[in-house]
Amino acid sequence: MKTAIPTKKLNQSGEIHSSPAPILLSLAVTLCLGALLVLPLIVLGLPLLVYSIYLWISEEVRLWPARIERENYEDWGDATWAMVWIIITECIIFAGFFAYWFWTKWHTISWSGAVGGTWPAAGVEHDMMLVSVNTVLLITSGVLAHFSLEKHFKKEYTKSCQLLVAAVVLGLAFLAIQLYEYTHAGFIWSDHPYGTAFFSLTGLHGLHVLIGLVVFMVVIFLMKKGHYEIARHDSFRAVTMYWHFVDAVWILLFLIVYLEVI
């Protein structure tokens, strides 16, 4: 049984007319970025960031049953094409961070005016067995998400939900292991240029993993409520594409940051 939605808050496509969530989220991000220069701003920015994300997601979940369902679900819809553009912008962002990685490396060991040093920095030793296991976990999570999408397309909703739960569990395990790696790294971001580049690049990726997991959890919640039928396939496909992008970026990180193949 679907929850009744107040019609005065919806237009014909079920969209929110006057939600403050986007504005609050923008303000929160601005405050968090400002905290890089004025640290006390984090006291305002971080709680507002958490609240605005919660508000936006809760509104979407509440209004989801009223969304218009697509008839031609086999074709790429608005959600999938929107994700394509999001991934393009994310590629540009990560390209900037990778560029910083290579510039810092060059500046440390090859630049004529460099003070000298090694890359990785002296004393830095990554636990490659742990990192390799973490890589397998994330890639396996992507495979499970793909098969979950396929099961959803075949209207096998229970199996789809189970596979997606497994994908989320592996994603959470990935983040837990990465946090363990951070706490046992033996260096922090301010110790040397390598530390700054390492934590910036891997931390940005970890943030994207966290975002993907939150969205997957919302999908699981909607599945269990019976609000994610075959006509919702397009948005599920979009989220899965994002997760594959996260996998691809990690493979690059593994090759460049940990294996130093470039």
C-alpha atoms as a PDB file:
ATOM      1  CA  MET A   1       0.000   0.000   0.000  1.00  0.00           C
ATOM      2  CA  LYS A   2       1.479   3.310  -1.064  1.00  0.00           C
ATOM      3  CA  THR A   3       1.742   6.246   1.306  1.00  0.00           C
ATOM      4  CA  ALA A   4      -0.496   9.198   0.534  1.00  0.00           C
ATOM      5  CA  ILE A   5       1.412  12.308  -0.494  1.00  0.00           C
ATOM      6  CA  PRO A   6       0.057  15.831   0.080  1.00  0.00           C
ATOM      7  CA  THR A   7      -0.730  17.090  -3.429  1.00  0.00           C
ATOM      8  CA  LYS A   8      -0.061  20.707  -2.581  1.00  0.00           C
ATOM      9  CA  LYS A   9       3.646  19.943  -2.317  1.00  0.00           C
ATOM     10  CA  LEU A  10       3.869  18.235  -5.703  1.00  0.00           C
ATOM     11  CA  ASN A  11       3.576  19.262  -9.288  1.00  0.00           C
ATOM     12  CA  GLN A  12       2.454  16.863 -12.023  1.00  0.00           C
ATOM     13  CA  SER A  13       5.770  14.994 -12.055  1.00  0.00           C
ATOM     14  CA  GLY A  14       5.937  14.686  -8.285  1.00  0.00           C
ATOM     15  CA  GLU A  15       8.658  17.289  -7.819  1.00  0.00           C
ATOM     16  CA  ILE A  16       9.145  19.431  -4.745  1.00  0.00           C
ATOM     17  CA  HIS A  17       8.045  23.046  -5.245  1.00  0.00           C
ATOM     18  CA  SER A  18       9.899  24.881  -2.488  1.00  0.00           C
ATOM     19  CA  SER A  19      12.339  22.562  -0.740  1.00  0.00           C
ATOM     20  CA  PRO A  20      15.149  24.391   1.124  1.00  0.00           C
ATOM     21  CA  ALA A  21      17.425  21.330   0.894  1.00  0.00           C
ATOM     22  CA  PRO A  22      19.463  22.404  -2.197  1.00  0.00           C
ATOM     23  CA  ILE A  23      20.089  25.876  -0.753  1.00  0.00           C
ATOM     24  CA  LEU A  24      21.037  24.489   2.653  1.00  0.00           C
ATOM     25  CA  LEU A  25      23.387  21.961   1.057  1.00  0.00           C
ATOM     26  CA  SER A  26      25.082  24.675  -0.993  1.00  0.00           C
ATOM     27  CA  LEU A  27      25.538  26.818   2.112  1.00  0.00           C
ATOM     28  CA  ALA A  28      26.911  23.825   4.031  1.00  0.00           C
ATOM     29  CA  VAL A  29      29.469  23.045   1.327  1.00  0.00           C
ATOM     30  CA  THR A  30      30.515  26.697   1.252  1.00  0.00           C
ATOM     31  CA  LEU A  31      31.027  26.727   5.021  1.00  0.00           C
ATOM     32  CA  CYS A  32      33.000  23.474   4.931  1.00  0.00           C
ATOM     33  CA  LEU A  33      35.275  24.846   2.221  1.00  0.00           C
ATOM     34  CA  GLY A  34      35.634  28.072   4.168  1.00  0.00           C
ATOM     35  CA  ALA A  35      36.738  25.995   7.152  1.00  0.00           C
ATOM     36  CA  LEU A  36      39.911  25.174   5.222  1.00  0.00           C
ATOM     37  CA  LEU A  37      40.849  28.809   5.819  1.00  0.00           C
ATOM     38  CA  VAL A  38      38.876  29.590   8.986  1.00  0.00           C
ATOM     39  CA  LEU A  39      38.655  26.350  10.971  1.00  0.00           C
ATOM     40  CA  PRO A  40      35.795  27.356  13.368  1.00  0.00           C
ATOM     41  CA  LEU A  41      33.418  27.442  10.383  1.00  0.00           C
ATOM     42  CA  ILE A  42      33.431  23.634  10.475  1.00  0.00           C
ATOM     43  CA  VAL A  43      31.273  23.819  13.612  1.00  0.00           C
ATOM     44  CA  LEU A  44      28.516  25.336  11.470  1.00  0.00           C
ATOM     45  CA  GLY A  45      29.287  23.679   8.150  1.00  0.00           C
ATOM     46  CA  LEU A  46      29.525  20.010   9.103  1.00  0.00           C
ATOM     47  CA  PRO A  47      26.241  19.722  11.066  1.00  0.00           C
ATOM     48  CA  LEU A  48      24.446  21.701   8.363  1.00  0.00           C
ATOM     49  CA  LEU A  49      25.942  19.418   5.703  1.00  0.00           C
ATOM     50  CA  VAL A  50      24.677  16.297   7.461  1.00  0.00           C
ATOM     51  CA  TYR A  51      21.245  17.822   8.080  1.00  0.00           C
ATOM     52  CA  SER A  52      20.791  19.114   4.513  1.00  0.00           C
ATOM     53  CA  ILE A  53      21.727  15.731   3.026  1.00  0.00           C
ATOM     54  CA  TYR A  54      19.322  13.999   5.411  1.00  0.00           C
ATOM     55  CA  LEU A  55      16.573  16.483   4.570  1.00  0.00           C
ATOM     56  CA  TRP A  56      17.025  16.083   0.809  1.00  0.00           C
ATOM     57  CA  ILE A  57      17.123  12.279   0.933  1.00  0.00           C
ATOM     58  CA  SER A  58      14.143  12.027   3.293  1.00  0.00           C
ATOM     59  CA  GLU A  59      12.086  14.275   0.998  1.00  0.00           C
ATOM     60  CA  GLU A  60      12.983  12.171  -2.029  1.00  0.00           C
ATOM     61  CA  VAL A  61      12.105   8.949  -0.209  1.00  0.00           C
ATOM     62  CA  ARG A  62       8.776  10.355   0.993  1.00  0.00           C
ATOM     63  CA  LEU A  63       7.834  11.631  -2.458  1.00  0.00           C
ATOM     64  CA  TRP A  64       9.154   8.653  -4.412  1.00  0.00           C
ATOM     65  CA  PRO A  65       5.826   6.749  -4.614  1.00  0.00           C
ATOM     66  CA  ALA A  66       4.299   9.758  -6.401  1.00  0.00           C
ATOM     67  CA  ARG A  67       6.918   9.898  -9.140  1.00  0.00           C
ATOM     68  CA  ILE A  68       5.712   9.198 -12.665  1.00  0.00           C
ATOM     69  CA  GLU A  69       6.904   5.793 -13.833  1.00  0.00           C
ATOM     70  CA  ARG A  70       8.600   5.404 -17.214  1.00  0.00           C
ATOM     71  CA  GLU A  71       6.994   3.175 -19.798  1.00  0.00           C
ATOM     72  CA  ASN A  72      10.027   2.521 -22.016  1.00  0.00           C
ATOM     73  CA  TYR A  73      12.290   1.469 -19.191  1.00  0.00           C
ATOM     74  CA  GLU A  74      14.653  -0.437 -21.491  1.00  0.00           C
ATOM     75  CA  ASP A  75      15.931   2.804 -23.046  1.00  0.00           C
ATOM     76  CA  TRP A  76      18.230   5.264 -21.337  1.00  0.00           C
ATOM     77  CA  GLY A  77      16.172   7.851 -19.523  1.00  0.00           C
ATOM     78  CA  ASP A  78      16.851  11.209 -17.884  1.00  0.00           C
ATOM     79  CA  ALA A  79      18.512   9.676 -14.816  1.00  0.00           C
ATOM     80  CA  THR A  80      21.022   7.698 -16.868  1.00  0.00           C
ATOM     81  CA  TRP A  81      21.913  10.643 -19.087  1.00  0.00           C
ATOM     82  CA  ALA A  82      22.224  12.885 -16.040  1.00  0.00           C
ATOM     83  CA  MET A  83      24.642  10.355 -14.539  1.00  0.00           C
ATOM     84  CA  VAL A  84      26.698  10.407 -17.736  1.00  0.00           C
ATOM     85  CA  TRP A  85      27.225  14.143 -17.300  1.00  0.00           C
ATOM     86  CA  ILE A  86      27.926  13.743 -13.576  1.00  0.00           C
ATOM     87  CA  ILE A  87      30.591  11.145 -14.352  1.00  0.00           C
ATOM     88  CA  ILE A  88      32.144  13.457 -16.951  1.00  0.00           C
ATOM     89  CA  THR A  89      32.441  16.238 -14.366  1.00  0.00           C
ATOM     90  CA  GLU A  90      33.812  13.764 -11.812  1.00  0.00           C
ATOM     91  CA  CYS A  91      36.439  12.676 -14.323  1.00  0.00           C
ATOM     92  CA  ILE A  92      37.550  16.301 -14.587  1.00  0.00           C
ATOM     93  CA  ILE A  93      37.744  16.602 -10.794  1.00  0.00           C
ATOM     94  CA  PHE A  94      39.773  13.425 -10.388  1.00  0.00           C
ATOM     95  CA  ALA A  95      41.993  14.444 -13.306  1.00  0.00           C
ATOM     96  CA  GLY A  96      42.887  17.554 -11.326  1.00  0.00           C
ATOM     97  CA  PHE A  97      43.787  15.497  -8.268  1.00  0.00           C
ATOM     98  CA  PHE A  98      45.840  13.040 -10.319  1.00  0.00           C
ATOM     99  CA  ALA A  99      47.592  16.001 -11.920  1.00  0.00           C
ATOM    100  CA  TYR A 100      48.425  17.265  -8.444  1.00  0.00           C
ATOM    101  CA  TRP A 101      49.810  13.826  -7.574  1.00  0.00           C
ATOM    102  CA  PHE A 102      52.157  13.793 -10.581  1.00  0.00           C
ATOM    103  CA  TRP A 103      53.137  17.441 -10.124  1.00  0.00           C
ATOM    104  CA  THR A 104      54.013  16.844  -6.464  1.00  0.00           C
ATOM    105  CA  LYS A 105      56.015  13.766  -7.386  1.00  0.00           C
ATOM    106  CA  TRP A 106      57.932  15.670 -10.057  1.00  0.00           C
ATOM    107  CA  HIS A 107      58.440  18.641  -7.740  1.00  0.00           C
ATOM    108  CA  THR A 108      59.850  16.346  -5.058  1.00  0.00           C
ATOM    109  CA  ILE A 109      62.315  14.254  -7.030  1.00  0.00           C
ATOM    110  CA  SER A 110      62.944  15.855 -10.418  1.00  0.00           C
ATOM    111  CA  TRP A 111      62.521  19.627 -10.238  1.00  0.00           C
ATOM    112  CA  SER A 112      65.809  21.527 -10.388  1.00  0.00           C
ATOM    113  CA  GLY A 113      64.815  23.637  -7.401  1.00  0.00           C
ATOM    114  CA  ALA A 114      63.521  20.778  -5.265  1.00  0.00           C
ATOM    115  CA  VAL A 115      64.866  20.430  -1.732  1.00  0.00           C
ATOM    116  CA  GLY A 116      65.329  16.720  -2.351  1.00  0.00           C
ATOM    117  CA  GLY A 117      63.452  13.697  -1.145  1.00  0.00           C
ATOM    118  CA  THR A 118      62.083  10.333  -2.138  1.00  0.00           C
ATOM    119  CA  TRP A 119      58.764   9.209  -3.530  1.00  0.00           C
ATOM    120  CA  PRO A 120      57.088   7.709  -1.605  1.00  0.00           C
ATOM    121  CA  ALA A 121      58.484   9.679   1.298  1.00  0.00           C
ATOM    122  CA  ALA A 122      61.083   8.048   3.494  1.00  0.00           C
ATOM    123  CA  GLY A 123      59.532   5.603   5.939  1.00  0.00           C
ATOM    124  CA  VAL A 124      56.292   5.133   3.996  1.00  0.00           C
ATOM    125  CA  GLU A 125      55.479   1.465   3.434  1.00  0.00           C
ATOM    126  CA  HIS A 126      51.991   0.471   2.321  1.00  0.00           C
ATOM    127  CA  ASP A 127      50.552  -2.887   3.348  1.00  0.00           C
ATOM    128  CA  MET A 128      50.088  -4.187  -0.180  1.00  0.00           C
ATOM    129  CA  MET A 129      48.341  -7.368   0.953  1.00  0.00           C
ATOM    130  CA  LEU A 130      45.719  -5.304   2.772  1.00  0.00           C
ATOM    131  CA  VAL A 131      45.338  -2.917  -0.158  1.00  0.00           C
ATOM    132  CA  SER A 132      45.012  -5.837  -2.595  1.00  0.00           C
ATOM    133  CA  VAL A 133      42.279  -7.421  -0.484  1.00  0.00           C
ATOM    134  CA  ASN A 134      40.504  -4.070  -0.351  1.00  0.00           C
ATOM    135  CA  THR A 135      40.725  -3.804  -4.141  1.00  0.00           C
ATOM    136  CA  VAL A 136      39.125  -7.233  -4.546  1.00  0.00           C
ATOM    137  CA  LEU A 137      36.338  -6.235  -2.136  1.00  0.00           C
ATOM    138  CA  LEU A 138      35.451  -3.091  -4.071  1.00  0.00           C
ATOM    139  CA  ILE A 139      35.564  -4.756  -7.486  1.00  0.00           C
ATOM    140  CA  THR A 140      33.434  -7.639  -6.179  1.00  0.00           C
ATOM    141  CA  SER A 141      30.976  -5.084  -4.835  1.00  0.00           C
ATOM    142  CA  GLY A 142      30.716  -3.617  -8.337  1.00  0.00           C
ATOM    143  CA  VAL A 143      30.071  -7.059  -9.833  1.00  0.00           C
ATOM    144  CA  LEU A 144      27.320  -7.740  -7.291  1.00  0.00           C
ATOM    145  CA  ALA A 145      25.727  -4.363  -8.022  1.00  0.00           C
ATOM    146  CA  HIS A 146      25.731  -5.205 -11.733  1.00  0.00           C
ATOM    147  CA  PHE A 147      23.990  -8.530 -11.178  1.00  0.00           C
ATOM    148  CA  SER A 148      21.546  -6.850  -8.804  1.00  0.00           C
ATOM    149  CA  LEU A 149      20.633  -4.486 -11.635  1.00  0.00           C
ATOM    150  CA  GLU A 150      20.172  -7.436 -14.002  1.00  0.00           C
ATOM    151  CA  LYS A 151      17.904  -9.227 -11.532  1.00  0.00           C
ATOM    152  CA  HIS A 152      15.858  -6.075 -11.090  1.00  0.00           C
ATOM    153  CA  PHE A 153      15.468  -5.813 -14.838  1.00  0.00           C
ATOM    154  CA  LYS A 154      14.113  -9.393 -14.826  1.00  0.00           C
ATOM    155  CA  LYS A 155      11.662  -8.463 -12.028  1.00  0.00           C
ATOM    156  CA  GLU A 156      13.425 -10.722  -9.542  1.00  0.00           C
ATOM    157  CA  TYR A 157      13.192  -8.040  -6.874  1.00  0.00           C
ATOM    158  CA  THR A 158      14.016 -10.152  -3.831  1.00  0.00           C
ATOM    159  CA  LYS A 159      17.217 -11.501  -5.377  1.00  0.00           C
ATOM    160  CA  SER A 160      18.096  -8.029  -6.636  1.00  0.00           C
ATOM    161  CA  CYS A 161      17.751  -6.603  -3.132  1.00  0.00           C
ATOM    162  CA  GLN A 162      19.870  -9.388  -1.626  1.00  0.00           C
ATOM    163  CA  LEU A 163      22.674  -8.831  -4.121  1.00  0.00           C
ATOM    164  CA  LEU A 164      22.583  -5.090  -3.526  1.00  0.00           C
ATOM    165  CA  VAL A 165      22.777  -5.598   0.241  1.00  0.00           C
ATOM    166  CA  ALA A 166      25.852  -7.780  -0.299  1.00  0.00           C
ATOM    167  CA  ALA A 167      27.381  -5.062  -2.506  1.00  0.00           C
ATOM    168  CA  VAL A 168      26.817  -2.474   0.235  1.00  0.00           C
ATOM    169  CA  VAL A 169      28.346  -4.728   2.897  1.00  0.00           C
ATOM    170  CA  LEU A 170      31.494  -5.130   0.802  1.00  0.00           C
ATOM    171  CA  GLY A 171      31.574  -1.376   0.184  1.00  0.00           C
ATOM    172  CA  LEU A 172      31.377  -0.722   3.929  1.00  0.00           C
ATOM    173  CA  ALA A 173      34.154  -3.249   4.485  1.00  0.00           C
ATOM    174  CA  PHE A 174      36.251  -1.349   1.946  1.00  0.00           C
ATOM    175  CA  LEU A 175      35.801   1.905   3.852  1.00  0.00           C
ATOM    176  CA  ALA A 176      36.541   0.206   7.188  1.00  0.00           C
ATOM    177  CA  ILE A 177      39.801  -1.217   5.839  1.00  0.00           C
ATOM    178  CA  GLN A 178      40.741   2.137   4.339  1.00  0.00           C
ATOM    179  CA  LEU A 179      40.127   3.805   7.701  1.00  0.00           C
ATOM    180  CA  TYR A 180      42.314   1.142   9.331  1.00  0.00           C
ATOM    181  CA  GLU A 181      45.016   1.870   6.747  1.00  0.00           C
ATOM    182  CA  TYR A 182      44.823   5.590   7.516  1.00  0.00           C
ATOM    183  CA  THR A 183      45.180   5.067  11.267  1.00  0.00           C
ATOM    184  CA  HIS A 184      48.172   2.750  10.822  1.00  0.00           C
ATOM    185  CA  ALA A 185      49.892   4.583   7.955  1.00  0.00           C
ATOM    186  CA  GLY A 186      52.558   6.098  10.174  1.00  0.00           C
ATOM    187  CA  PHE A 187      52.200   9.539   8.571  1.00  0.00           C
ATOM    188  CA  ILE A 188      49.554  12.224   8.133  1.00  0.00           C
ATOM    189  CA  TRP A 189      48.744  14.710   5.363  1.00  0.00           C
ATOM    190  CA  SER A 190      50.900  17.477   6.839  1.00  0.00           C
ATOM    191  CA  ASP A 191      54.097  15.460   7.270  1.00  0.00           C
ATOM    192  CA  HIS A 192      55.328  15.803   3.692  1.00  0.00           C
ATOM    193  CA  PRO A 193      54.093  16.415   0.124  1.00  0.00           C
ATOM    194  CA  TYR A 194      53.555  12.701  -0.395  1.00  0.00           C
ATOM    195  CA  GLY A 195      51.207  12.588   2.598  1.00  0.00           C
ATOM    196  CA  THR A 196      49.212  15.532   1.268  1.00  0.00           C
ATOM    197  CA  ALA A 197      48.854  13.974  -2.186  1.00  0.00           C
ATOM    198  CA  PHE A 198      48.085  10.503  -0.819  1.00  0.00           C
ATOM    199  CA  PHE A 199      45.345  11.522   1.602  1.00  0.00           C
ATOM    200  CA  SER A 200      43.842  14.020  -0.861  1.00  0.00           C
ATOM    201  CA  LEU A 201      43.493  11.497  -3.674  1.00  0.00           C
ATOM    202  CA  THR A 202      42.465   8.436  -1.669  1.00  0.00           C
ATOM    203  CA  GLY A 203      40.260  10.541   0.605  1.00  0.00           C
ATOM    204  CA  LEU A 204      38.389  12.027  -2.360  1.00  0.00           C
ATOM    205  CA  HIS A 205      37.766   8.523  -3.656  1.00  0.00           C
ATOM    206  CA  GLY A 206      36.626   7.354  -0.223  1.00  0.00           C
ATOM    207  CA  LEU A 207      34.108  10.203  -0.136  1.00  0.00           C
ATOM    208  CA  HIS A 208      32.685   9.010  -3.459  1.00  0.00           C
ATOM    209  CA  VAL A 209      32.442   5.465  -2.110  1.00  0.00           C
ATOM    210  CA  LEU A 210      30.502   6.771   0.884  1.00  0.00           C
ATOM    211  CA  ILE A 211      28.106   8.715  -1.361  1.00  0.00           C
ATOM    212  CA  GLY A 212      27.501   5.637  -3.506  1.00  0.00           C
ATOM    213  CA  LEU A 213      26.774   3.509  -0.435  1.00  0.00           C
ATOM    214  CA  VAL A 214      24.279   6.043   0.915  1.00  0.00           C
ATOM    215  CA  VAL A 215      22.403   6.076  -2.397  1.00  0.00           C
ATOM    216  CA  PHE A 216      22.422   2.265  -2.568  1.00  0.00           C
ATOM    217  CA  MET A 217      20.983   2.135   0.967  1.00  0.00           C
ATOM    218  CA  VAL A 218      18.171   4.431  -0.123  1.00  0.00           C
ATOM    219  CA  VAL A 219      17.488   2.123  -3.092  1.00  0.00           C
ATOM    220  CA  ILE A 220      17.398  -0.886  -0.749  1.00  0.00           C
ATOM    221  CA  PHE A 221      14.964   0.925   1.545  1.00  0.00           C
ATOM    222  CA  LEU A 222      12.673   1.734  -1.375  1.00  0.00           C
ATOM    223  CA  MET A 223      12.905  -1.868  -2.611  1.00  0.00           C
ATOM    224  CA  LYS A 224      11.811  -3.200   0.751  1.00  0.00           C
ATOM    225  CA  LYS A 225       8.902  -0.735   0.772  1.00  0.00           C
ATOM    226  CA  GLY A 226       7.800  -2.008  -2.634  1.00  0.00           C
ATOM    227  CA  HIS A 227       8.396   1.338  -4.363  1.00  0.00           C
ATOM    228  CA  TYR A 228      11.121   0.228  -6.768  1.00  0.00           C
ATOM    229  CA  GLU A 229       9.476  -1.736  -9.525  1.00  0.00           C
ATOM    230  CA  ILE A 230      10.742  -2.320 -13.070  1.00  0.00           C
ATOM    231  CA  ALA A 231       9.675   1.159 -14.191  1.00  0.00           C
ATOM    232  CA  ARG A 232      12.278   2.587 -11.787  1.00  0.00           C
ATOM    233  CA  HIS A 233      15.000   0.735 -13.648  1.00  0.00           C
ATOM    234  CA  ASP A 234      16.539   3.870 -15.150  1.00  0.00           C
ATOM    235  CA  SER A 235      17.520   5.451 -11.830  1.00  0.00           C
ATOM    236  CA  PHE A 236      18.901   2.125 -10.582  1.00  0.00           C
ATOM    237  CA  ARG A 237      21.013   1.867 -13.727  1.00  0.00           C
ATOM    238  CA  ALA A 238      22.308   5.401 -13.165  1.00  0.00           C
ATOM    239  CA  VAL A 239      23.433   4.631  -9.605  1.00  0.00           C
ATOM    240  CA  THR A 240      25.113   1.413 -10.744  1.00  0.00           C
ATOM    241  CA  MET A 241      26.984   3.343 -13.436  1.00  0.00           C
ATOM    242  CA  TYR A 242      28.269   5.656 -10.706  1.00  0.00           C
ATOM    243  CA  TRP A 243      29.468   2.646  -8.701  1.00  0.00           C
ATOM    244  CA  HIS A 244      31.336   1.267 -11.706  1.00  0.00           C
ATOM    245  CA  PHE A 245      32.980   4.667 -12.096  1.00  0.00           C
ATOM    246  CA  VAL A 246      34.112   4.481  -8.465  1.00  0.00           C
ATOM    247  CA  ASP A 247      35.593   1.036  -9.174  1.00  0.00           C
ATOM    248  CA  ALA A 248      37.438   2.318 -12.242  1.00  0.00           C
ATOM    249  CA  VAL A 249      38.954   5.233 -10.328  1.00  0.00           C
ATOM    250  CA  TRP A 250      40.155   2.901  -7.589  1.00  0.00           C
ATOM    251  CA  ILE A 251      41.886   0.672 -10.141  1.00  0.00           C
ATOM    252  CA  LEU A 252      43.758   3.752 -11.369  1.00  0.00           C
ATOM    253  CA  LEU A 253      44.609   4.640  -7.779  1.00  0.00           C
ATOM    254  CA  PHE A 254      45.857   1.136  -7.113  1.00  0.00           C
ATOM    255  CA  LEU A 255      48.095   1.199 -10.176  1.00  0.00           C
ATOM    256  CA  ILE A 256      49.403   4.744  -9.774  1.00  0.00           C
ATOM    257  CA  VAL A 257      49.505   5.366  -6.021  1.00  0.00           C
ATOM    258  CA  TYR A 258      50.266   1.923  -4.628  1.00  0.00           C
ATOM    259  CA  LEU A 259      52.024   0.061  -7.450  1.00  0.00           C
ATOM    260  CA  GLU A 260      53.693   3.200  -8.885  1.00  0.00           C
ATOM    261  CA  VAL A 261      53.403   1.870 -12.445  1.00  0.00           C
ATOM    262  CA  ILE A 262      53.515   5.462 -13.744  1.00  0.00           C
END
